[in-house]
Amino acid sequence: AWFAYFAPAGTPDDVLDILQEKIALALEADAVIEPLAKAGFVMIGSSRDEMAALQDSDLARWKQVVEDTGFEM
């Protein structure tokens, strides 16, 4: 499992860059790291491009699982 933040489509790149920078700083703070680590989380920072690639990869994998199992709602 992974967690990420998302912004509305069309958010300017300079705003996304600031969000990325500030969130990365927050994820380095002991006050953030310690409780999350105690809950079993591992902090891995990544770029927006790396997150998009992970999201695309997971989407393709789970799409295939759904197709292979014939699951329907």
PDB file of N, CA and C in Angstrom:
ATOM      1  N   ALA A   1       0.842  -1.175   0.000  1.00  0.00           N
ATOM      2  CA  ALA A   1       0.000   0.000   0.000  1.00  0.00           C
ATOM      3  C   ALA A   1       0.887   1.238   0.000  1.00  0.00           C
ATOM      4  N   TRP A   2       0.368   2.270  -0.540  1.00  0.00           N
ATOM      5  CA  TRP A   2       1.090   3.542  -0.523  1.00  0.00           C
ATOM      6  C   TRP A   2       0.097   4.682  -0.347  1.00  0.00           C
ATOM      7  N   PHE A   3       0.616   5.791   0.083  1.00  0.00           N
ATOM      8  CA  PHE A   3      -0.184   6.992   0.265  1.00  0.00           C
ATOM      9  C   PHE A   3       0.483   8.120  -0.501  1.00  0.00           C
ATOM     10  N   ALA A   4      -0.310   8.998  -1.051  1.00  0.00           N
ATOM     11  CA  ALA A   4       0.214  10.136  -1.794  1.00  0.00           C
ATOM     12  C   ALA A   4      -0.755  11.295  -1.633  1.00  0.00           C
ATOM     13  N   TYR A   5      -0.291  12.461  -1.954  1.00  0.00           N
ATOM     14  CA  TYR A   5      -1.199  13.597  -1.984  1.00  0.00           C
ATOM     15  C   TYR A   5      -1.477  13.919  -3.446  1.00  0.00           C
ATOM     16  N   PHE A   6      -2.648  14.465  -3.694  1.00  0.00           N
ATOM     17  CA  PHE A   6      -3.049  14.829  -5.044  1.00  0.00           C
ATOM     18  C   PHE A   6      -3.587  16.257  -5.023  1.00  0.00           C
ATOM     19  N   ALA A   7      -3.386  16.942  -6.106  1.00  0.00           N
ATOM     20  CA  ALA A   7      -3.910  18.296  -6.261  1.00  0.00           C
ATOM     21  C   ALA A   7      -4.859  18.295  -7.446  1.00  0.00           C
ATOM     22  N   PRO A   8      -5.739  19.267  -7.498  1.00  0.00           N
ATOM     23  CA  PRO A   8      -6.680  19.321  -8.618  1.00  0.00           C
ATOM     24  C   PRO A   8      -5.953  19.436  -9.967  1.00  0.00           C
ATOM     25  N   ALA A   9      -6.549  18.859 -10.989  1.00  0.00           N
ATOM     26  CA  ALA A   9      -5.992  18.984 -12.339  1.00  0.00           C
ATOM     27  C   ALA A   9      -5.835  20.459 -12.672  1.00  0.00           C
ATOM     28  N   GLY A  10      -4.749  20.785 -13.323  1.00  0.00           N
ATOM     29  CA  GLY A  10      -4.512  22.159 -13.722  1.00  0.00           C
ATOM     30  C   GLY A  10      -3.788  22.995 -12.679  1.00  0.00           C
ATOM     31  N   THR A  11      -3.462  22.401 -11.535  1.00  0.00           N
ATOM     32  CA  THR A  11      -2.692  23.145 -10.530  1.00  0.00           C
ATOM     33  C   THR A  11      -1.344  23.505 -11.146  1.00  0.00           C
ATOM     34  N   PRO A  12      -0.941  24.767 -11.067  1.00  0.00           N
ATOM     35  CA  PRO A  12       0.319  25.187 -11.691  1.00  0.00           C
ATOM     36  C   PRO A  12       1.526  24.427 -11.133  1.00  0.00           C
ATOM     37  N   ASP A  13       2.492  24.168 -11.997  1.00  0.00           N
ATOM     38  CA  ASP A  13       3.690  23.433 -11.598  1.00  0.00           C
ATOM     39  C   ASP A  13       4.422  24.099 -10.440  1.00  0.00           C
ATOM     40  N   ASP A  14       4.470  25.431 -10.411  1.00  0.00           N
ATOM     41  CA  ASP A  14       5.182  26.086  -9.320  1.00  0.00           C
ATOM     42  C   ASP A  14       4.512  25.817  -7.973  1.00  0.00           C
ATOM     43  N   VAL A  15       3.196  25.710  -7.967  1.00  0.00           N
ATOM     44  CA  VAL A  15       2.471  25.373  -6.744  1.00  0.00           C
ATOM     45  C   VAL A  15       2.751  23.919  -6.358  1.00  0.00           C
ATOM     46  N   LEU A  16       2.739  23.025  -7.337  1.00  0.00           N
ATOM     47  CA  LEU A  16       3.038  21.619  -7.066  1.00  0.00           C
ATOM     48  C   LEU A  16       4.462  21.455  -6.537  1.00  0.00           C
ATOM     49  N   ASP A  17       5.397  22.230  -7.082  1.00  0.00           N
ATOM     50  CA  ASP A  17       6.785  22.167  -6.607  1.00  0.00           C
ATOM     51  C   ASP A  17       6.886  22.598  -5.144  1.00  0.00           C
ATOM     52  N   ILE A  18       6.157  23.647  -4.773  1.00  0.00           N
ATOM     53  CA  ILE A  18       6.167  24.114  -3.386  1.00  0.00           C
ATOM     54  C   ILE A  18       5.550  23.058  -2.471  1.00  0.00           C
ATOM     55  N   LEU A  19       4.431  22.477  -2.882  1.00  0.00           N
ATOM     56  CA  LEU A  19       3.808  21.413  -2.083  1.00  0.00           C
ATOM     57  C   LEU A  19       4.767  20.244  -1.902  1.00  0.00           C
ATOM     58  N   GLN A  20       5.422  19.832  -2.982  1.00  0.00           N
ATOM     59  CA  GLN A  20       6.369  18.719  -2.920  1.00  0.00           C
ATOM     60  C   GLN A  20       7.485  19.026  -1.927  1.00  0.00           C
ATOM     61  N   GLU A  21       8.027  20.227  -2.016  1.00  0.00           N
ATOM     62  CA  GLU A  21       9.116  20.625  -1.125  1.00  0.00           C
ATOM     63  C   GLU A  21       8.683  20.623   0.338  1.00  0.00           C
ATOM     64  N   LYS A  22       7.536  21.200   0.622  1.00  0.00           N
ATOM     65  CA  LYS A  22       7.068  21.312   2.008  1.00  0.00           C
ATOM     66  C   LYS A  22       6.678  19.956   2.587  1.00  0.00           C
ATOM     67  N   ILE A  23       6.065  19.119   1.783  1.00  0.00           N
ATOM     68  CA  ILE A  23       5.692  17.781   2.263  1.00  0.00           C
ATOM     69  C   ILE A  23       6.935  16.945   2.506  1.00  0.00           C
ATOM     70  N   ALA A  24       7.925  17.047   1.623  1.00  0.00           N
ATOM     71  CA  ALA A  24       9.183  16.323   1.824  1.00  0.00           C
ATOM     72  C   ALA A  24       9.845  16.756   3.128  1.00  0.00           C
ATOM     73  N   LEU A  25       9.833  18.053   3.411  1.00  0.00           N
ATOM     74  CA  LEU A  25      10.398  18.544   4.679  1.00  0.00           C
ATOM     75  C   LEU A  25       9.629  17.992   5.875  1.00  0.00           C
ATOM     76  N   ALA A  26       8.319  17.980   5.775  1.00  0.00           N
ATOM     77  CA  ALA A  26       7.497  17.459   6.868  1.00  0.00           C
ATOM     78  C   ALA A  26       7.804  15.986   7.117  1.00  0.00           C
ATOM     79  N   LEU A  27       8.040  15.240   6.058  1.00  0.00           N
ATOM     80  CA  LEU A  27       8.305  13.802   6.201  1.00  0.00           C
ATOM     81  C   LEU A  27       9.684  13.512   6.786  1.00  0.00           C
ATOM     82  N   GLU A  28      10.492  14.545   6.947  1.00  0.00           N
ATOM     83  CA  GLU A  28      11.792  14.392   7.594  1.00  0.00           C
ATOM     84  C   GLU A  28      11.735  14.724   9.085  1.00  0.00           C
ATOM     85  N   ALA A  29      10.633  15.295   9.521  1.00  0.00           N
ATOM     86  CA  ALA A  29      10.509  15.729  10.919  1.00  0.00           C
ATOM     87  C   ALA A  29      10.229  14.539  11.835  1.00  0.00           C
ATOM     88  N   ASP A  30      10.935  14.495  12.958  1.00  0.00           N
ATOM     89  CA  ASP A  30      10.730  13.412  13.926  1.00  0.00           C
ATOM     90  C   ASP A  30       9.272  13.334  14.382  1.00  0.00           C
ATOM     91  N   ALA A  31       8.631  14.482  14.523  1.00  0.00           N
ATOM     92  CA  ALA A  31       7.240  14.499  14.980  1.00  0.00           C
ATOM     93  C   ALA A  31       6.304  13.819  13.989  1.00  0.00           C
ATOM     94  N   VAL A  32       6.727  13.720  12.751  1.00  0.00           N
ATOM     95  CA  VAL A  32       5.939  13.030  11.727  1.00  0.00           C
ATOM     96  C   VAL A  32       6.414  11.591  11.584  1.00  0.00           C
ATOM     97  N   ILE A  33       7.718  11.422  11.514  1.00  0.00           N
ATOM     98  CA  ILE A  33       8.300  10.093  11.274  1.00  0.00           C
ATOM     99  C   ILE A  33       7.992   9.117  12.401  1.00  0.00           C
ATOM    100  N   GLU A  34       8.188   9.527  13.651  1.00  0.00           N
ATOM    101  CA  GLU A  34       8.083   8.605  14.781  1.00  0.00           C
ATOM    102  C   GLU A  34       6.711   7.954  14.914  1.00  0.00           C
ATOM    103  N   PRO A  35       5.615   8.714  14.930  1.00  0.00           N
ATOM    104  CA  PRO A  35       4.325   8.033  15.064  1.00  0.00           C
ATOM    105  C   PRO A  35       3.984   7.161  13.859  1.00  0.00           C
ATOM    106  N   LEU A  36       4.393   7.591  12.688  1.00  0.00           N
ATOM    107  CA  LEU A  36       4.113   6.772  11.504  1.00  0.00           C
ATOM    108  C   LEU A  36       4.943   5.495  11.526  1.00  0.00           C
ATOM    109  N   ALA A  37       6.196   5.599  11.952  1.00  0.00           N
ATOM    110  CA  ALA A  37       7.052   4.404  12.052  1.00  0.00           C
ATOM    111  C   ALA A  37       6.485   3.434  13.089  1.00  0.00           C
ATOM    112  N   LYS A  38       5.998   3.948  14.199  1.00  0.00           N
ATOM    113  CA  LYS A  38       5.394   3.090  15.222  1.00  0.00           C
ATOM    114  C   LYS A  38       4.163   2.364  14.688  1.00  0.00           C
ATOM    115  N   ALA A  39       3.489   2.988  13.729  1.00  0.00           N
ATOM    116  CA  ALA A  39       2.301   2.371  13.123  1.00  0.00           C
ATOM    117  C   ALA A  39       2.680   1.430  11.979  1.00  0.00           C
ATOM    118  N   GLY A  40       3.982   1.315  11.697  1.00  0.00           N
ATOM    119  CA  GLY A  40       4.439   0.371  10.682  1.00  0.00           C
ATOM    120  C   GLY A  40       4.688   0.964   9.310  1.00  0.00           C
ATOM    121  N   PHE A  41       4.615   2.266   9.199  1.00  0.00           N
ATOM    122  CA  PHE A  41       4.836   2.904   7.909  1.00  0.00           C
ATOM    123  C   PHE A  41       6.325   3.132   7.663  1.00  0.00           C
ATOM    124  N   VAL A  42       6.718   3.064   6.425  1.00  0.00           N
ATOM    125  CA  VAL A  42       8.073   3.389   6.011  1.00  0.00           C
ATOM    126  C   VAL A  42       7.972   4.589   5.084  1.00  0.00           C
ATOM    127  N   MET A  43       8.666   5.648   5.447  1.00  0.00           N
ATOM    128  CA  MET A  43       8.610   6.868   4.649  1.00  0.00           C
ATOM    129  C   MET A  43       9.559   6.752   3.455  1.00  0.00           C
ATOM    130  N   ILE A  44       9.011   6.928   2.271  1.00  0.00           N
ATOM    131  CA  ILE A  44       9.817   6.943   1.056  1.00  0.00           C
ATOM    132  C   ILE A  44       9.375   8.166   0.258  1.00  0.00           C
ATOM    133  N   GLY A  45      10.229   9.135   0.169  1.00  0.00           N
ATOM    134  CA  GLY A  45       9.902  10.306  -0.632  1.00  0.00           C
ATOM    135  C   GLY A  45      10.190  10.022  -2.099  1.00  0.00           C
ATOM    136  N   SER A  46       9.434  10.627  -2.958  1.00  0.00           N
ATOM    137  CA  SER A  46       9.685  10.452  -4.379  1.00  0.00           C
ATOM    138  C   SER A  46       9.268  11.713  -5.118  1.00  0.00           C
ATOM    139  N   SER A  47       9.665  11.779  -6.356  1.00  0.00           N
ATOM    140  CA  SER A  47       9.291  12.916  -7.185  1.00  0.00           C
ATOM    141  C   SER A  47       7.881  12.708  -7.722  1.00  0.00           C
ATOM    142  N   ARG A  48       7.327  13.751  -8.298  1.00  0.00           N
ATOM    143  CA  ARG A  48       5.999  13.613  -8.902  1.00  0.00           C
ATOM    144  C   ARG A  48       6.030  12.597 -10.026  1.00  0.00           C
ATOM    145  N   ASP A  49       7.101  12.581 -10.811  1.00  0.00           N
ATOM    146  CA  ASP A  49       7.208  11.620 -11.914  1.00  0.00           C
ATOM    147  C   ASP A  49       7.292  10.186 -11.394  1.00  0.00           C
ATOM    148  N   GLU A  50       8.043   9.975 -10.321  1.00  0.00           N
ATOM    149  CA  GLU A  50       8.151   8.631  -9.740  1.00  0.00           C
ATOM    150  C   GLU A  50       6.806   8.170  -9.191  1.00  0.00           C
ATOM    151  N   MET A  51       6.074   9.071  -8.559  1.00  0.00           N
ATOM    152  CA  MET A  51       4.758   8.718  -8.027  1.00  0.00           C
ATOM    153  C   MET A  51       3.796   8.392  -9.158  1.00  0.00           C
ATOM    154  N   ALA A  52       3.841   9.172 -10.226  1.00  0.00           N
ATOM    155  CA  ALA A  52       2.964   8.910 -11.370  1.00  0.00           C
ATOM    156  C   ALA A  52       3.274   7.545 -11.980  1.00  0.00           C
ATOM    157  N   ALA A  53       4.558   7.198 -12.070  1.00  0.00           N
ATOM    158  CA  ALA A  53       4.946   5.892 -12.614  1.00  0.00           C
ATOM    159  C   ALA A  53       4.453   4.760 -11.717  1.00  0.00           C
ATOM    160  N   LEU A  54       4.561   4.928 -10.395  1.00  0.00           N
ATOM    161  CA  LEU A  54       4.069   3.910  -9.462  1.00  0.00           C
ATOM    162  C   LEU A  54       2.560   3.757  -9.589  1.00  0.00           C
ATOM    163  N   GLN A  55       1.864   4.861  -9.674  1.00  0.00           N
ATOM    164  CA  GLN A  55       0.411   4.827  -9.804  1.00  0.00           C
ATOM    165  C   GLN A  55       0.008   4.124 -11.099  1.00  0.00           C
ATOM    166  N   ASP A  56       0.671   4.455 -12.200  1.00  0.00           N
ATOM    167  CA  ASP A  56       0.369   3.811 -13.481  1.00  0.00           C
ATOM    168  C   ASP A  56       0.637   2.311 -13.426  1.00  0.00           C
ATOM    169  N   SER A  57       1.744   1.933 -12.793  1.00  0.00           N
ATOM    170  CA  SER A  57       2.112   0.523 -12.665  1.00  0.00           C
ATOM    171  C   SER A  57       1.075  -0.246 -11.853  1.00  0.00           C
ATOM    172  N   ASP A  58       0.683   0.320 -10.715  1.00  0.00           N
ATOM    173  CA  ASP A  58      -0.324  -0.337  -9.876  1.00  0.00           C
ATOM    174  C   ASP A  58      -1.667  -0.431 -10.591  1.00  0.00           C
ATOM    175  N   LEU A  59      -2.043   0.609 -11.296  1.00  0.00           N
ATOM    176  CA  LEU A  59      -3.307   0.590 -12.032  1.00  0.00           C
ATOM    177  C   LEU A  59      -3.310  -0.533 -13.067  1.00  0.00           C
ATOM    178  N   ALA A  60      -2.219  -0.669 -13.802  1.00  0.00           N
ATOM    179  CA  ALA A  60      -2.126  -1.732 -14.805  1.00  0.00           C
ATOM    180  C   ALA A  60      -2.177  -3.111 -14.151  1.00  0.00           C
ATOM    181  N   ARG A  61      -1.469  -3.267 -13.033  1.00  0.00           N
ATOM    182  CA  ARG A  61      -1.438  -4.565 -12.339  1.00  0.00           C
ATOM    183  C   ARG A  61      -2.829  -4.942 -11.838  1.00  0.00           C
ATOM    184  N   TRP A  62      -3.509  -4.024 -11.162  1.00  0.00           N
ATOM    185  CA  TRP A  62      -4.811  -4.346 -10.587  1.00  0.00           C
ATOM    186  C   TRP A  62      -5.889  -4.452 -11.656  1.00  0.00           C
ATOM    187  N   LYS A  63      -5.743  -3.730 -12.733  1.00  0.00           N
ATOM    188  CA  LYS A  63      -6.674  -3.877 -13.857  1.00  0.00           C
ATOM    189  C   LYS A  63      -6.595  -5.307 -14.392  1.00  0.00           C
ATOM    190  N   GLN A  64      -5.381  -5.810 -14.518  1.00  0.00           N
ATOM    191  CA  GLN A  64      -5.174  -7.171 -14.997  1.00  0.00           C
ATOM    192  C   GLN A  64      -5.751  -8.189 -14.031  1.00  0.00           C
ATOM    193  N   VAL A  65      -5.583  -7.978 -12.735  1.00  0.00           N
ATOM    194  CA  VAL A  65      -6.148  -8.887 -11.734  1.00  0.00           C
ATOM    195  C   VAL A  65      -7.667  -8.934 -11.875  1.00  0.00           C
ATOM    196  N   VAL A  66      -8.288  -7.782 -12.003  1.00  0.00           N
ATOM    197  CA  VAL A  66      -9.743  -7.723 -12.140  1.00  0.00           C
ATOM    198  C   VAL A  66     -10.182  -8.457 -13.417  1.00  0.00           C
ATOM    199  N   GLU A  67      -9.482  -8.200 -14.516  1.00  0.00           N
ATOM    200  CA  GLU A  67      -9.834  -8.873 -15.771  1.00  0.00           C
ATOM    201  C   GLU A  67      -9.638 -10.384 -15.661  1.00  0.00           C
ATOM    202  N   ASP A  68      -8.529 -10.813 -15.071  1.00  0.00           N
ATOM    203  CA  ASP A  68      -8.229 -12.250 -14.960  1.00  0.00           C
ATOM    204  C   ASP A  68      -9.241 -12.987 -14.085  1.00  0.00           C
ATOM    205  N   THR A  69      -9.751 -12.317 -13.070  1.00  0.00           N
ATOM    206  CA  THR A  69     -10.688 -12.981 -12.169  1.00  0.00           C
ATOM    207  C   THR A  69     -12.126 -12.901 -12.653  1.00  0.00           C
ATOM    208  N   GLY A  70     -12.375 -12.033 -13.633  1.00  0.00           N
ATOM    209  CA  GLY A  70     -13.733 -11.873 -14.136  1.00  0.00           C
ATOM    210  C   GLY A  70     -14.632 -11.109 -13.189  1.00  0.00           C
ATOM    211  N   PHE A  71     -14.034 -10.416 -12.237  1.00  0.00           N
ATOM    212  CA  PHE A  71     -14.816  -9.675 -11.243  1.00  0.00           C
ATOM    213  C   PHE A  71     -15.698  -8.613 -11.934  1.00  0.00           C
ATOM    214  N   GLU A  72     -16.930  -8.561 -11.493  1.00  0.00           N
ATOM    215  CA  GLU A  72     -17.863  -7.544 -11.993  1.00  0.00           C
ATOM    216  C   GLU A  72     -18.647  -6.988 -10.824  1.00  0.00           C
ATOM    217  N   MET A  73     -19.043  -5.743 -10.943  1.00  0.00           N
ATOM    218  CA  MET A  73     -19.848  -5.130  -9.883  1.00  0.00           C
ATOM    219  C   MET A  73     -21.288  -5.130 -10.280  1.00  0.00           C
TER     220      MET A  73
END
